[in-house]
N, C-alpha and C. Protein backbone atom coordinates (compact mmCIF):
# COMPACT_ATOMS: atom_id res chain seq x y z
N MET A 1 120.21 66.19 101.61
CA MET A 1 120.44 64.97 102.38
C MET A 1 120.62 63.74 101.49
N GLY A 2 120.39 63.87 100.16
CA GLY A 2 120.67 62.80 99.23
C GLY A 2 119.60 61.73 99.21
N ALA A 3 119.97 60.54 98.68
CA ALA A 3 119.01 59.46 98.49
C ALA A 3 118.44 58.95 99.80
N MET A 4 119.24 59.01 100.85
CA MET A 4 118.77 58.50 102.15
C MET A 4 117.55 59.27 102.63
N ALA A 5 117.49 60.57 102.34
CA ALA A 5 116.39 61.40 102.81
C ALA A 5 115.08 61.02 102.15
N THR A 6 115.14 60.44 100.95
CA THR A 6 113.92 60.05 100.26
C THR A 6 113.35 58.75 100.81
N ALA A 7 114.15 58.01 101.54
CA ALA A 7 113.71 56.72 102.06
C ALA A 7 113.32 56.78 103.53
N ALA A 8 113.91 57.66 104.30
CA ALA A 8 113.66 57.65 105.74
C ALA A 8 114.09 58.97 106.36
N VAL A 9 113.48 59.27 107.52
CA VAL A 9 113.88 60.43 108.30
C VAL A 9 114.64 59.92 109.50
N ALA A 10 115.77 60.49 109.81
CA ALA A 10 116.67 59.92 110.80
C ALA A 10 116.36 60.35 112.22
N LEU A 11 116.65 59.43 113.17
CA LEU A 11 116.47 59.68 114.59
C LEU A 11 117.54 58.95 115.35
N LEU A 12 118.00 59.51 116.45
CA LEU A 12 118.92 58.79 117.31
C LEU A 12 118.43 58.79 118.75
N VAL A 13 118.43 57.62 119.40
CA VAL A 13 117.88 57.47 120.73
C VAL A 13 118.78 56.62 121.59
N SER A 14 118.57 56.67 122.91
CA SER A 14 119.28 55.73 123.76
C SER A 14 118.32 55.17 124.77
N PHE A 15 118.47 53.87 125.08
CA PHE A 15 117.57 53.19 126.00
C PHE A 15 118.33 52.76 127.25
N THR A 16 117.71 52.97 128.43
CA THR A 16 118.20 52.36 129.66
C THR A 16 116.98 51.73 130.31
N SER A 17 117.10 51.23 131.54
CA SER A 17 115.97 50.54 132.14
C SER A 17 115.39 51.30 133.32
N VAL A 18 114.09 51.09 133.54
CA VAL A 18 113.41 51.69 134.69
C VAL A 18 112.18 50.86 135.02
N GLU A 19 112.11 50.36 136.26
CA GLU A 19 110.94 49.66 136.78
C GLU A 19 110.40 48.59 135.83
N GLY A 20 111.28 47.69 135.35
CA GLY A 20 110.82 46.59 134.55
C GLY A 20 110.59 46.90 133.09
N HIS A 21 110.81 48.14 132.69
CA HIS A 21 110.67 48.51 131.29
C HIS A 21 112.00 49.08 130.80
N SER A 22 112.11 49.27 129.50
CA SER A 22 113.25 50.01 128.96
C SER A 22 112.86 51.47 128.85
N THR A 23 113.80 52.36 129.07
CA THR A 23 113.56 53.78 128.93
C THR A 23 114.23 54.29 127.67
N LEU A 24 113.47 54.93 126.84
CA LEU A 24 113.97 55.46 125.58
C LEU A 24 114.39 56.91 125.77
N TRP A 25 115.69 57.18 125.58
CA TRP A 25 116.20 58.54 125.66
C TRP A 25 116.46 59.05 124.26
N VAL A 26 115.78 60.13 123.89
CA VAL A 26 115.91 60.70 122.55
C VAL A 26 116.71 62.00 122.66
N HIS A 27 117.81 62.07 121.93
CA HIS A 27 118.70 63.23 121.98
C HIS A 27 118.63 64.00 120.67
N GLY A 28 118.05 65.21 120.73
CA GLY A 28 118.06 66.09 119.57
C GLY A 28 119.22 67.06 119.65
N GLU A 29 119.29 67.95 118.72
CA GLU A 29 120.39 68.92 118.72
C GLU A 29 120.29 69.89 119.89
N THR A 30 119.06 70.15 120.35
CA THR A 30 118.90 71.12 121.44
C THR A 30 118.11 70.58 122.63
N ALA A 31 117.68 69.31 122.58
CA ALA A 31 116.86 68.78 123.66
C ALA A 31 117.03 67.28 123.80
N THR A 32 116.72 66.77 125.01
CA THR A 32 116.71 65.34 125.29
C THR A 32 115.41 65.01 125.99
N GLN A 33 114.77 63.90 125.60
CA GLN A 33 113.51 63.51 126.21
C GLN A 33 113.49 62.00 126.40
N SER A 34 112.82 61.50 127.45
CA SER A 34 112.77 60.07 127.71
C SER A 34 111.35 59.54 127.55
N PHE A 35 111.25 58.27 127.13
CA PHE A 35 109.98 57.58 126.95
C PHE A 35 110.11 56.14 127.43
N VAL A 36 109.00 55.55 127.84
CA VAL A 36 108.98 54.15 128.27
C VAL A 36 108.77 53.25 127.05
N ALA A 37 109.52 52.16 126.98
CA ALA A 37 109.36 51.15 125.93
C ALA A 37 109.35 49.77 126.58
N ILE A 38 108.62 48.83 125.99
CA ILE A 38 108.53 47.47 126.52
C ILE A 38 109.26 46.51 125.59
N PRO A 39 110.26 45.76 126.08
CA PRO A 39 111.01 44.84 125.23
C PRO A 39 110.12 43.71 124.70
N ALA A 40 110.39 43.28 123.47
CA ALA A 40 109.69 42.13 122.91
C ALA A 40 110.06 40.87 123.70
N VAL A 41 109.13 39.94 123.78
CA VAL A 41 109.38 38.69 124.49
C VAL A 41 110.59 37.97 123.90
N TRP A 42 110.73 38.02 122.56
CA TRP A 42 111.81 37.26 121.92
C TRP A 42 113.19 37.85 122.17
N ASN A 43 113.28 39.07 122.72
CA ASN A 43 114.60 39.65 122.99
C ASN A 43 115.45 38.74 123.87
N ALA A 44 114.80 38.02 124.78
CA ALA A 44 115.53 37.17 125.72
C ALA A 44 116.25 36.02 125.02
N TYR A 45 115.84 35.68 123.80
CA TYR A 45 116.42 34.55 123.08
C TYR A 45 117.48 34.96 122.07
N LEU A 46 117.69 36.26 121.87
CA LEU A 46 118.62 36.71 120.83
C LEU A 46 120.06 36.31 121.13
N PRO A 47 120.79 35.85 120.12
CA PRO A 47 122.21 35.49 120.30
C PRO A 47 123.12 36.67 120.02
N SER A 48 124.40 36.38 119.80
CA SER A 48 125.39 37.39 119.40
C SER A 48 125.43 38.58 120.35
N PHE A 49 125.39 38.31 121.65
CA PHE A 49 125.44 39.38 122.65
C PHE A 49 124.31 40.38 122.45
N GLY A 50 123.12 39.87 122.13
CA GLY A 50 121.96 40.73 122.00
C GLY A 50 121.84 41.41 120.66
N GLN A 51 122.74 41.14 119.73
CA GLN A 51 122.68 41.73 118.40
C GLN A 51 121.89 40.82 117.46
N PRO A 52 121.48 41.34 116.30
CA PRO A 52 120.78 40.48 115.33
C PRO A 52 121.61 39.25 114.98
N LYS A 53 120.94 38.17 114.62
CA LYS A 53 121.63 36.93 114.30
C LYS A 53 122.63 37.14 113.18
N LEU A 54 123.78 36.48 113.28
CA LEU A 54 124.83 36.63 112.28
C LEU A 54 124.41 36.00 110.96
N SER A 55 123.96 34.74 111.02
CA SER A 55 123.57 34.01 109.83
C SER A 55 123.02 32.66 110.26
N VAL A 56 122.20 32.07 109.42
CA VAL A 56 121.69 30.73 109.73
C VAL A 56 122.83 29.71 109.70
N LYS A 57 123.97 30.08 109.08
CA LYS A 57 125.11 29.17 108.98
C LYS A 57 126.24 29.55 109.94
N ALA A 58 126.01 30.55 110.79
CA ALA A 58 127.07 30.98 111.71
C ALA A 58 127.39 29.86 112.70
N PRO A 59 128.69 29.58 112.94
CA PRO A 59 129.07 28.55 113.92
C PRO A 59 128.49 28.88 115.30
N LEU A 60 128.10 27.86 116.03
CA LEU A 60 127.49 28.07 117.34
C LEU A 60 128.43 28.80 118.29
N ASP A 61 129.75 28.61 118.14
CA ASP A 61 130.67 29.27 119.07
C ASP A 61 130.78 30.76 118.82
N ARG A 62 130.11 31.28 117.80
CA ARG A 62 130.10 32.72 117.56
C ARG A 62 128.83 33.36 118.11
N GLU A 63 127.93 32.55 118.63
CA GLU A 63 126.68 33.06 119.18
C GLU A 63 126.75 33.02 120.71
N SER A 64 126.08 33.97 121.36
CA SER A 64 126.07 34.01 122.82
C SER A 64 124.76 34.59 123.32
N VAL A 65 124.28 34.10 124.46
CA VAL A 65 123.06 34.64 125.06
C VAL A 65 123.36 35.17 126.46
N ASN A 66 124.59 35.62 126.67
CA ASN A 66 125.01 36.04 128.01
C ASN A 66 124.61 37.46 128.37
N LEU A 67 124.25 38.28 127.40
CA LEU A 67 123.97 39.69 127.65
C LEU A 67 122.60 40.07 127.13
N GLN A 68 122.02 41.13 127.71
CA GLN A 68 120.74 41.65 127.24
C GLN A 68 120.92 42.28 125.85
N PRO A 69 119.89 42.19 125.02
CA PRO A 69 119.97 42.83 123.69
C PRO A 69 120.24 44.32 123.78
N SER A 70 120.96 44.83 122.79
CA SER A 70 121.26 46.25 122.75
C SER A 70 121.32 46.71 121.29
N PHE A 71 121.28 48.02 121.10
CA PHE A 71 121.35 48.58 119.75
C PHE A 71 122.03 49.94 119.81
N SER A 72 122.83 50.23 118.79
CA SER A 72 123.47 51.54 118.68
C SER A 72 123.44 51.95 117.21
N GLY A 73 122.86 53.08 116.92
CA GLY A 73 122.75 53.55 115.56
C GLY A 73 121.70 54.64 115.43
N ARG A 74 120.94 54.63 114.34
CA ARG A 74 119.88 55.60 114.13
C ARG A 74 118.54 54.90 113.95
N MET A 75 117.45 55.64 114.20
CA MET A 75 116.12 55.12 113.93
C MET A 75 115.53 55.89 112.75
N VAL A 76 114.85 55.15 111.85
CA VAL A 76 114.25 55.77 110.69
C VAL A 76 112.80 55.33 110.54
N GLN A 77 112.07 56.08 109.76
CA GLN A 77 110.68 55.77 109.46
C GLN A 77 110.55 55.60 107.95
N PRO A 78 109.98 54.50 107.46
CA PRO A 78 109.94 54.27 106.02
C PRO A 78 108.91 55.13 105.31
N PHE A 79 109.27 55.59 104.13
CA PHE A 79 108.35 56.32 103.27
C PHE A 79 108.47 55.76 101.85
N GLY A 80 107.51 56.06 101.01
CA GLY A 80 107.58 55.60 99.63
C GLY A 80 106.22 55.60 98.97
N GLU A 81 106.12 54.94 97.81
CA GLU A 81 104.88 54.92 97.05
C GLU A 81 103.75 54.29 97.84
N ASN A 82 104.07 53.25 98.60
CA ASN A 82 103.05 52.55 99.37
C ASN A 82 103.25 52.86 100.85
N GLU A 83 103.20 54.14 101.20
CA GLU A 83 103.57 54.60 102.54
C GLU A 83 102.75 53.94 103.64
N THR A 84 101.43 53.77 103.43
CA THR A 84 100.58 53.20 104.46
C THR A 84 101.02 51.79 104.82
N THR A 85 101.25 50.96 103.80
CA THR A 85 101.66 49.58 104.06
C THR A 85 103.06 49.53 104.64
N ARG A 86 103.97 50.35 104.10
CA ARG A 86 105.33 50.34 104.61
C ARG A 86 105.41 50.79 106.06
N SER A 87 104.52 51.68 106.46
CA SER A 87 104.53 52.15 107.85
C SER A 87 104.17 51.02 108.80
N LEU A 88 103.53 49.96 108.29
CA LEU A 88 103.16 48.80 109.08
C LEU A 88 104.20 47.68 108.98
N ALA A 89 105.08 47.77 107.97
CA ALA A 89 106.13 46.76 107.73
C ALA A 89 105.55 45.37 107.50
N CYS A 90 104.40 45.30 106.86
CA CYS A 90 103.77 44.01 106.59
C CYS A 90 104.10 43.48 105.20
N ASP A 91 104.68 44.31 104.33
CA ASP A 91 105.12 43.89 103.01
C ASP A 91 106.63 44.00 102.94
N ILE A 92 107.19 43.53 101.84
CA ILE A 92 108.63 43.64 101.62
C ILE A 92 109.04 45.10 101.65
N LEU A 93 110.09 45.41 102.42
CA LEU A 93 110.58 46.78 102.55
C LEU A 93 111.80 47.01 101.65
N PRO A 94 111.98 48.25 101.18
CA PRO A 94 113.18 48.55 100.40
C PRO A 94 114.43 48.32 101.25
N SER A 95 115.48 47.82 100.62
CA SER A 95 116.73 47.58 101.34
C SER A 95 117.31 48.90 101.84
N THR A 96 117.86 48.86 103.06
CA THR A 96 118.46 50.05 103.63
C THR A 96 119.96 50.07 103.36
N PRO A 97 120.56 51.23 103.11
CA PRO A 97 122.01 51.30 102.90
C PRO A 97 122.78 50.78 104.11
N GLN A 98 123.78 49.95 103.89
CA GLN A 98 124.54 49.37 105.00
C GLN A 98 125.70 50.28 105.40
N ILE A 99 125.38 51.55 105.68
CA ILE A 99 126.38 52.52 106.08
C ILE A 99 126.51 52.55 107.60
N GLU A 100 125.39 52.41 108.29
CA GLU A 100 125.37 52.38 109.74
C GLU A 100 124.17 51.58 110.19
N SER A 101 124.12 51.20 111.47
CA SER A 101 123.01 50.42 111.99
C SER A 101 121.76 51.29 112.08
N LEU A 102 120.64 50.77 111.61
CA LEU A 102 119.38 51.49 111.62
C LEU A 102 118.29 50.69 112.31
N ALA A 103 117.48 51.36 113.12
CA ALA A 103 116.28 50.78 113.71
C ALA A 103 115.08 51.37 112.97
N LEU A 104 114.03 50.58 112.80
CA LEU A 104 112.86 51.00 112.05
C LEU A 104 111.67 51.23 112.97
N LEU A 105 111.05 52.42 112.88
CA LEU A 105 109.86 52.75 113.65
C LEU A 105 108.63 52.50 112.78
N VAL A 106 107.74 51.59 113.21
CA VAL A 106 106.56 51.24 112.42
C VAL A 106 105.30 51.25 113.30
N ASP A 107 104.15 51.22 112.65
CA ASP A 107 102.87 51.17 113.34
C ASP A 107 102.47 49.72 113.61
N ARG A 108 101.71 49.51 114.66
CA ARG A 108 101.14 48.21 114.96
C ARG A 108 99.94 47.96 114.03
N GLY A 109 99.70 46.69 113.68
CA GLY A 109 98.50 46.36 112.93
C GLY A 109 98.74 45.61 111.64
N LEU A 110 97.67 45.02 111.10
CA LEU A 110 97.57 44.33 109.81
C LEU A 110 98.24 42.96 109.80
N CYS A 111 99.47 42.85 110.31
CA CYS A 111 100.16 41.55 110.35
C CYS A 111 100.75 41.35 111.74
N ASP A 112 101.24 40.14 112.02
CA ASP A 112 101.77 39.87 113.36
C ASP A 112 103.17 40.46 113.54
N PHE A 113 103.58 40.56 114.80
CA PHE A 113 104.86 41.17 115.13
C PHE A 113 106.03 40.41 114.50
N ARG A 114 105.91 39.10 114.41
CA ARG A 114 106.98 38.28 113.82
C ARG A 114 107.22 38.68 112.37
N GLN A 115 106.15 38.92 111.62
CA GLN A 115 106.30 39.29 110.22
C GLN A 115 106.94 40.67 110.08
N LYS A 116 106.57 41.60 110.94
CA LYS A 116 107.18 42.94 110.90
C LYS A 116 108.69 42.83 111.14
N ALA A 117 109.06 42.03 112.14
CA ALA A 117 110.47 41.88 112.47
C ALA A 117 111.23 41.22 111.33
N GLN A 118 110.63 40.22 110.71
CA GLN A 118 111.30 39.52 109.62
C GLN A 118 111.48 40.42 108.40
N ASN A 119 110.46 41.22 108.07
CA ASN A 119 110.57 42.14 106.94
C ASN A 119 111.65 43.20 107.19
N ALA A 120 111.71 43.70 108.43
CA ALA A 120 112.73 44.69 108.77
C ALA A 120 114.13 44.09 108.68
N TYR A 121 114.27 42.88 109.18
CA TYR A 121 115.56 42.18 109.14
C TYR A 121 116.00 41.93 107.70
N ASN A 122 115.07 41.46 106.86
CA ASN A 122 115.40 41.17 105.47
C ASN A 122 115.81 42.42 104.70
N ALA A 123 115.31 43.58 105.14
CA ALA A 123 115.65 44.84 104.47
C ALA A 123 116.96 45.44 104.98
N GLY A 124 117.54 44.84 106.03
CA GLY A 124 118.82 45.30 106.52
C GLY A 124 118.79 46.09 107.81
N TYR A 125 117.59 46.22 108.44
CA TYR A 125 117.51 46.94 109.70
C TYR A 125 118.02 46.07 110.84
N LYS A 126 118.49 46.70 111.92
CA LYS A 126 119.09 45.99 113.05
C LYS A 126 118.20 45.96 114.28
N ALA A 127 117.08 46.69 114.27
CA ALA A 127 116.17 46.70 115.41
C ALA A 127 114.82 47.22 114.93
N LEU A 128 113.77 46.96 115.72
CA LEU A 128 112.41 47.35 115.37
C LEU A 128 111.74 48.01 116.56
N ILE A 129 111.08 49.15 116.31
CA ILE A 129 110.26 49.83 117.32
C ILE A 129 108.83 49.86 116.78
N VAL A 130 107.87 49.34 117.56
CA VAL A 130 106.47 49.28 117.12
C VAL A 130 105.63 50.23 117.96
N MET A 131 104.94 51.15 117.28
CA MET A 131 104.06 52.11 117.93
C MET A 131 102.67 51.51 118.07
N ASN A 132 102.11 51.54 119.28
CA ASN A 132 100.76 51.01 119.51
C ASN A 132 99.71 51.89 118.84
N THR A 133 98.53 51.34 118.61
CA THR A 133 97.44 52.09 117.98
C THR A 133 96.37 52.52 118.96
N VAL A 134 96.48 52.04 120.22
CA VAL A 134 95.49 52.36 121.26
C VAL A 134 96.17 53.25 122.30
N PRO A 135 95.57 54.38 122.68
CA PRO A 135 96.19 55.28 123.66
C PRO A 135 96.38 54.61 125.02
N GLY A 136 97.42 55.02 125.74
CA GLY A 136 97.64 54.55 127.11
C GLY A 136 98.78 53.57 127.23
N GLN A 137 99.67 53.81 128.19
CA GLN A 137 100.81 52.94 128.40
C GLN A 137 100.40 51.54 128.82
N SER A 138 99.32 51.40 129.62
CA SER A 138 98.90 50.09 130.11
C SER A 138 98.39 49.19 128.99
N LYS A 139 98.09 49.77 127.83
CA LYS A 139 97.57 48.98 126.71
C LYS A 139 98.63 48.62 125.68
N VAL A 140 99.90 48.93 125.97
CA VAL A 140 100.98 48.51 125.08
C VAL A 140 101.10 46.98 125.16
N PRO A 141 101.07 46.27 124.03
CA PRO A 141 101.03 44.80 124.06
C PRO A 141 102.38 44.17 124.34
N ASP A 142 102.35 42.94 124.82
CA ASP A 142 103.54 42.12 124.84
C ASP A 142 103.80 41.66 123.41
N MET A 143 104.98 41.92 122.89
CA MET A 143 105.30 41.53 121.53
C MET A 143 105.84 40.11 121.52
N THR A 144 105.10 39.20 120.87
CA THR A 144 105.50 37.80 120.81
C THR A 144 105.13 37.24 119.45
N SER A 145 105.67 36.08 119.11
CA SER A 145 105.36 35.42 117.85
C SER A 145 104.03 34.66 117.98
N PRO A 146 103.36 34.40 116.85
CA PRO A 146 102.05 33.72 116.90
C PRO A 146 102.08 32.38 117.62
N ASN A 147 103.17 31.64 117.47
CA ASN A 147 103.27 30.31 118.10
C ASN A 147 104.06 30.32 119.40
N GLY A 148 104.22 31.50 119.98
CA GLY A 148 104.86 31.60 121.29
C GLY A 148 106.35 31.30 121.28
N ALA A 149 106.82 30.65 122.35
CA ALA A 149 108.25 30.48 122.59
C ALA A 149 108.97 29.78 121.44
N LEU A 150 108.30 28.86 120.76
CA LEU A 150 108.96 28.14 119.67
C LEU A 150 109.40 29.10 118.57
N ASP A 151 108.51 29.99 118.15
CA ASP A 151 108.85 30.97 117.12
C ASP A 151 109.68 32.12 117.67
N ASP A 152 109.50 32.46 118.95
CA ASP A 152 110.27 33.55 119.54
C ASP A 152 111.77 33.29 119.45
N ARG A 153 112.16 32.03 119.48
CA ARG A 153 113.58 31.67 119.41
C ARG A 153 114.16 31.87 118.01
N LEU A 154 113.27 32.10 117.03
CA LEU A 154 113.71 32.23 115.64
C LEU A 154 113.80 33.68 115.17
N VAL A 155 113.30 34.62 115.96
CA VAL A 155 113.29 36.03 115.54
C VAL A 155 114.72 36.56 115.43
N GLU A 156 114.95 37.36 114.39
CA GLU A 156 116.32 37.73 114.03
C GLU A 156 116.85 39.01 114.67
N LEU A 157 115.99 39.89 115.16
CA LEU A 157 116.49 41.17 115.67
C LEU A 157 115.68 41.64 116.87
N PRO A 158 116.26 42.49 117.73
CA PRO A 158 115.55 42.96 118.92
C PRO A 158 114.45 43.95 118.55
N ALA A 159 113.45 44.05 119.43
CA ALA A 159 112.32 44.95 119.18
C ALA A 159 111.78 45.48 120.49
N TRP A 160 111.14 46.65 120.41
CA TRP A 160 110.51 47.28 121.56
C TRP A 160 109.18 47.88 121.14
N ALA A 161 108.21 47.90 122.06
CA ALA A 161 106.90 48.49 121.78
C ALA A 161 106.75 49.77 122.60
N VAL A 162 106.13 50.80 121.99
CA VAL A 162 105.88 52.06 122.68
C VAL A 162 104.41 52.43 122.53
N GLU A 163 103.92 53.26 123.43
CA GLU A 163 102.52 53.66 123.35
C GLU A 163 102.29 54.61 122.17
N LYS A 164 101.02 54.81 121.84
CA LYS A 164 100.66 55.61 120.68
C LYS A 164 101.20 57.03 120.77
N ALA A 165 101.05 57.67 121.92
CA ALA A 165 101.49 59.05 122.08
C ALA A 165 103.01 59.17 121.88
N THR A 166 103.76 58.17 122.38
CA THR A 166 105.21 58.18 122.20
C THR A 166 105.56 58.08 120.72
N GLY A 167 104.91 57.15 120.01
CA GLY A 167 105.17 56.99 118.59
C GLY A 167 104.87 58.24 117.80
N GLN A 168 103.76 58.89 118.13
CA GLN A 168 103.40 60.12 117.42
C GLN A 168 104.40 61.23 117.69
N THR A 169 104.88 61.32 118.93
CA THR A 169 105.89 62.33 119.27
C THR A 169 107.19 62.07 118.52
N LEU A 170 107.60 60.79 118.46
CA LEU A 170 108.83 60.44 117.76
C LEU A 170 108.72 60.75 116.27
N LYS A 171 107.59 60.41 115.67
CA LYS A 171 107.40 60.69 114.24
C LYS A 171 107.49 62.18 113.95
N SER A 172 106.85 62.97 114.79
CA SER A 172 106.89 64.42 114.60
C SER A 172 108.31 64.95 114.75
N TRP A 173 109.00 64.45 115.78
CA TRP A 173 110.37 64.91 116.04
C TRP A 173 111.31 64.51 114.90
N MET A 174 111.12 63.31 114.38
CA MET A 174 111.97 62.81 113.30
C MET A 174 111.86 63.65 112.04
N SER A 175 110.74 64.33 111.86
CA SER A 175 110.54 65.13 110.65
C SER A 175 111.28 66.47 110.69
N THR A 176 111.78 66.84 111.87
CA THR A 176 112.42 68.15 112.00
C THR A 176 113.83 68.11 112.59
N ASP A 177 114.30 66.92 113.01
CA ASP A 177 115.57 66.86 113.72
C ASP A 177 116.34 65.60 113.35
N GLN A 178 117.66 65.67 113.45
CA GLN A 178 118.55 64.52 113.28
C GLN A 178 119.04 64.12 114.67
N LEU A 179 118.74 62.90 115.10
CA LEU A 179 119.01 62.49 116.47
C LEU A 179 119.89 61.25 116.56
N ARG A 180 120.60 61.07 117.67
CA ARG A 180 121.48 59.92 117.91
C ARG A 180 120.77 58.81 118.68
N LEU A 181 121.24 57.55 118.58
CA LEU A 181 120.52 56.39 119.14
C LEU A 181 121.39 55.32 119.79
N GLU A 182 120.99 54.86 120.99
CA GLU A 182 121.55 53.68 121.66
C GLU A 182 120.45 52.99 122.44
N VAL A 183 120.50 51.66 122.56
CA VAL A 183 119.48 50.94 123.33
C VAL A 183 120.10 49.78 124.07
N THR A 184 119.78 49.65 125.35
CA THR A 184 120.14 48.48 126.16
C THR A 184 118.86 47.93 126.75
N ASP A 185 118.60 46.66 126.51
CA ASP A 185 117.35 46.05 126.97
C ASP A 185 117.31 45.95 128.49
N ASP A 186 116.10 45.82 129.01
CA ASP A 186 115.87 45.59 130.43
C ASP A 186 115.26 44.20 130.56
N PRO A 187 115.52 43.49 131.66
CA PRO A 187 114.90 42.17 131.82
C PRO A 187 113.38 42.23 131.67
N ARG A 188 112.82 41.16 131.15
CA ARG A 188 111.39 41.10 130.88
C ARG A 188 110.56 41.25 132.14
N ARG A 189 109.34 41.76 131.97
CA ARG A 189 108.36 41.76 133.04
C ARG A 189 107.98 40.32 133.35
N PRO A 190 107.51 40.00 134.59
CA PRO A 190 107.03 38.65 134.89
C PRO A 190 105.90 38.28 133.95
N SER A 191 105.88 37.03 133.49
CA SER A 191 104.84 36.58 132.56
C SER A 191 103.51 36.41 133.28
N LEU A 192 102.45 36.91 132.66
CA LEU A 192 101.09 36.74 133.15
C LEU A 192 100.19 36.38 131.99
N GLY A 193 98.98 35.93 132.30
CA GLY A 193 98.01 35.65 131.25
C GLY A 193 97.46 36.94 130.67
N ALA A 194 96.84 36.80 129.49
CA ALA A 194 96.22 37.96 128.85
C ALA A 194 95.18 38.58 129.78
N PHE A 195 95.20 39.92 129.86
CA PHE A 195 94.27 40.72 130.65
C PHE A 195 94.49 40.61 132.16
N GLN A 196 95.59 39.97 132.58
CA GLN A 196 95.96 40.00 133.99
C GLN A 196 96.87 41.20 134.23
N GLU A 197 96.96 41.64 135.49
CA GLU A 197 97.66 42.88 135.79
C GLU A 197 98.48 42.75 137.06
N ASP A 198 99.65 43.40 137.09
CA ASP A 198 100.45 43.53 138.30
C ASP A 198 101.05 44.93 138.33
N SER A 199 102.09 45.14 139.13
CA SER A 199 102.65 46.48 139.27
C SER A 199 103.29 47.00 137.99
N HIS A 200 103.56 46.10 137.03
CA HIS A 200 104.14 46.52 135.76
C HIS A 200 103.09 46.91 134.73
N GLY A 201 101.81 46.67 135.04
CA GLY A 201 100.76 47.06 134.12
C GLY A 201 99.93 45.89 133.63
N LEU A 202 98.94 46.19 132.81
CA LEU A 202 98.01 45.21 132.26
C LEU A 202 98.64 44.48 131.08
N ARG A 203 98.47 43.15 131.03
CA ARG A 203 98.98 42.36 129.91
C ARG A 203 97.90 42.23 128.84
N LEU A 204 98.23 42.64 127.65
CA LEU A 204 97.35 42.46 126.49
C LEU A 204 98.17 41.73 125.44
N VAL A 205 98.01 40.44 125.37
CA VAL A 205 98.86 39.63 124.49
C VAL A 205 98.15 39.38 123.16
N PHE A 206 98.36 40.28 122.23
CA PHE A 206 97.84 40.12 120.88
C PHE A 206 99.04 40.15 119.93
N THR A 207 98.96 39.43 118.84
CA THR A 207 100.11 39.32 117.95
C THR A 207 100.05 40.29 116.78
N LYS A 208 99.06 41.18 116.73
CA LYS A 208 98.97 42.13 115.63
C LYS A 208 98.87 43.54 116.20
């Protein structure tokens, strides 16, 4: 598999929407499976038709907020000498080859979601998937920046959060299969305070 295999294991997925969440469809060579994912709060602010920002110097007429964020490419998991830290995306990540669009699957923890997204963006990734550390779909956090809406408008790429069991399944699958990937965001759940609950589930708003 060459140099790429030493840096990441490939995955391809597709996302659609269901009941206020995004649905993650994972297509392997012999099987397809779906999982629930929750869009990051900042996805609603992304320009360029839901794609990562073009540049801090891009003319305003090249940016658009008319469509929901989307992604098409592969998902990878980082490996290397400092595997534990890289799996959290809290430190500088090795640059990814610009051959195709890649989404990065990382663990929740150690640093805030904004830092994970920024490190992934700086390394060349086009999307971020964060695996929760606490079991249960109702405990998947709302992904937001530490300073709320002000910083959310500055995030460079789309992101989704998945429960712990989903992340573990994806990691295991990625180690044995090469999969295809597409994602289309779903409109955000109604905003509630931390630890409040409605038909979409319990809100746990933590930034790490």
